[in-house]
Amino acid sequence: MAKSNALKFREKQIREGKFDAAKVRGNWGDILPVTKKNKTKLGSLTHKLKKHKKDHSLYEYDENGSFCFMVSKT
């Protein structure tokens, strides 16, 4: 593969005895920055509930298209 312009510039800086940017960068150690976790059952269920629009079949509709909530106090 070809070298990027940034890599060429860094190598030139090192050759000329100037600042080495690789020494300043942090070390991840044993941490992998990209890991994938499987969804739990609860996570997949909540995803399915929030994915689609709500079903309003529980409500009573009038002829003109408006609806009202049926609330019962016990």
C-alpha atoms as a PDB file:
ATOM      1  CA  MET A   1       0.000   0.000   0.000  1.00  0.00           C
ATOM      2  CA  ALA A   2       1.066   3.557  -0.560  1.00  0.00           C
ATOM      3  CA  LYS A   3       2.119   5.794   2.311  1.00  0.00           C
ATOM      4  CA  SER A   4      -0.186   8.612   3.286  1.00  0.00           C
ATOM      5  CA  ASN A   5       1.008  12.193   3.283  1.00  0.00           C
ATOM      6  CA  ALA A   6       0.750  12.301   7.070  1.00  0.00           C
ATOM      7  CA  LEU A   7       3.003   9.249   7.433  1.00  0.00           C
ATOM      8  CA  LYS A   8       5.533  10.737   5.027  1.00  0.00           C
ATOM      9  CA  PHE A   9       5.517  13.967   7.025  1.00  0.00           C
ATOM     10  CA  ARG A  10       6.025  12.117  10.347  1.00  0.00           C
ATOM     11  CA  GLU A  11       8.918  10.101   8.922  1.00  0.00           C
ATOM     12  CA  LYS A  12      10.496  13.282   7.576  1.00  0.00           C
ATOM     13  CA  GLN A  13      10.196  14.940  10.986  1.00  0.00           C
ATOM     14  CA  ILE A  14      11.905  11.949  12.647  1.00  0.00           C
ATOM     15  CA  ARG A  15      14.681  11.914  10.026  1.00  0.00           C
ATOM     16  CA  GLU A  16      15.361  15.586  10.662  1.00  0.00           C
ATOM     17  CA  GLY A  17      15.502  14.973  14.418  1.00  0.00           C
ATOM     18  CA  LYS A  18      12.332  16.865  15.229  1.00  0.00           C
ATOM     19  CA  PHE A  19       9.252  15.925  17.224  1.00  0.00           C
ATOM     20  CA  ASP A  20       8.026  12.293  17.125  1.00  0.00           C
ATOM     21  CA  ALA A  21       4.246  12.222  17.498  1.00  0.00           C
ATOM     22  CA  ALA A  22       4.151   8.468  18.173  1.00  0.00           C
ATOM     23  CA  LYS A  23       5.816   8.956  21.583  1.00  0.00           C
ATOM     24  CA  VAL A  24       3.037  11.241  22.768  1.00  0.00           C
ATOM     25  CA  ARG A  25       0.191   8.916  21.823  1.00  0.00           C
ATOM     26  CA  GLY A  26      -1.359   6.844  24.593  1.00  0.00           C
ATOM     27  CA  ASN A  27      -1.156   3.079  24.973  1.00  0.00           C
ATOM     28  CA  TRP A  28      -4.328   1.023  25.030  1.00  0.00           C
ATOM     29  CA  GLY A  29      -2.631  -1.877  26.773  1.00  0.00           C
ATOM     30  CA  ASP A  30      -4.874  -4.948  26.788  1.00  0.00           C
ATOM     31  CA  ILE A  31      -8.052  -3.019  25.985  1.00  0.00           C
ATOM     32  CA  LEU A  32      -9.629  -3.728  22.619  1.00  0.00           C
ATOM     33  CA  PRO A  33     -11.368  -0.601  21.333  1.00  0.00           C
ATOM     34  CA  VAL A  34     -13.901  -2.559  19.270  1.00  0.00           C
ATOM     35  CA  THR A  35     -15.854  -5.289  21.014  1.00  0.00           C
ATOM     36  CA  LYS A  36     -19.350  -6.493  20.265  1.00  0.00           C
ATOM     37  CA  LYS A  37     -21.741  -7.628  22.931  1.00  0.00           C
ATOM     38  CA  ASN A  38     -24.815  -9.727  22.256  1.00  0.00           C
ATOM     39  CA  LYS A  39     -28.111  -8.165  23.245  1.00  0.00           C
ATOM     40  CA  THR A  40     -29.864  -9.478  26.298  1.00  0.00           C
ATOM     41  CA  LYS A  41     -33.426 -10.712  26.047  1.00  0.00           C
ATOM     42  CA  LEU A  42     -34.694  -7.547  27.709  1.00  0.00           C
ATOM     43  CA  GLY A  43     -32.674  -5.376  25.330  1.00  0.00           C
ATOM     44  CA  SER A  44     -34.030  -7.118  22.257  1.00  0.00           C
ATOM     45  CA  LEU A  45     -37.618  -6.888  23.531  1.00  0.00           C
ATOM     46  CA  THR A  46     -37.357  -3.173  24.227  1.00  0.00           C
ATOM     47  CA  HIS A  47     -35.796  -2.666  20.796  1.00  0.00           C
ATOM     48  CA  LYS A  48     -38.763  -4.397  19.152  1.00  0.00           C
ATOM     49  CA  LEU A  49     -41.257  -2.354  21.194  1.00  0.00           C
ATOM     50  CA  LYS A  50     -39.623   0.969  20.303  1.00  0.00           C
ATOM     51  CA  LYS A  51     -38.860   0.125  16.679  1.00  0.00           C
ATOM     52  CA  HIS A  52     -42.357   0.454  15.231  1.00  0.00           C
ATOM     53  CA  LYS A  53     -45.178   2.886  15.826  1.00  0.00           C
ATOM     54  CA  LYS A  54     -47.502   2.243  18.719  1.00  0.00           C
ATOM     55  CA  ASP A  55     -50.665   0.236  18.118  1.00  0.00           C
ATOM     56  CA  HIS A  56     -53.712   2.324  18.982  1.00  0.00           C
ATOM     57  CA  SER A  57     -56.165  -0.566  18.782  1.00  0.00           C
ATOM     58  CA  LEU A  58     -56.706  -0.347  22.550  1.00  0.00           C
ATOM     59  CA  TYR A  59     -58.430   3.016  22.206  1.00  0.00           C
ATOM     60  CA  GLU A  60     -61.983   3.763  21.057  1.00  0.00           C
ATOM     61  CA  TYR A  61     -62.284   5.882  17.928  1.00  0.00           C
ATOM     62  CA  ASP A  62     -65.160   8.192  16.972  1.00  0.00           C
ATOM     63  CA  GLU A  63     -66.494   8.540  13.451  1.00  0.00           C
ATOM     64  CA  ASN A  64     -64.628  11.812  12.904  1.00  0.00           C
ATOM     65  CA  GLY A  65     -61.231  10.228  13.561  1.00  0.00           C
ATOM     66  CA  SER A  66     -60.589  11.436  17.096  1.00  0.00           C
ATOM     67  CA  PHE A  67     -60.055   9.002  19.919  1.00  0.00           C
ATOM     68  CA  CYS A  68     -60.381   8.999  23.691  1.00  0.00           C
ATOM     69  CA  PHE A  69     -58.686   6.990  26.383  1.00  0.00           C
ATOM     70  CA  MET A  70     -60.703   4.559  28.457  1.00  0.00           C
ATOM     71  CA  VAL A  71     -59.632   4.907  32.094  1.00  0.00           C
ATOM     72  CA  SER A  72     -61.228   3.019  34.932  1.00  0.00           C
ATOM     73  CA  LYS A  73     -60.639   3.893  38.572  1.00  0.00           C
ATOM     74  CA  THR A  74     -60.715   1.009  40.978  1.00  0.00           C
END
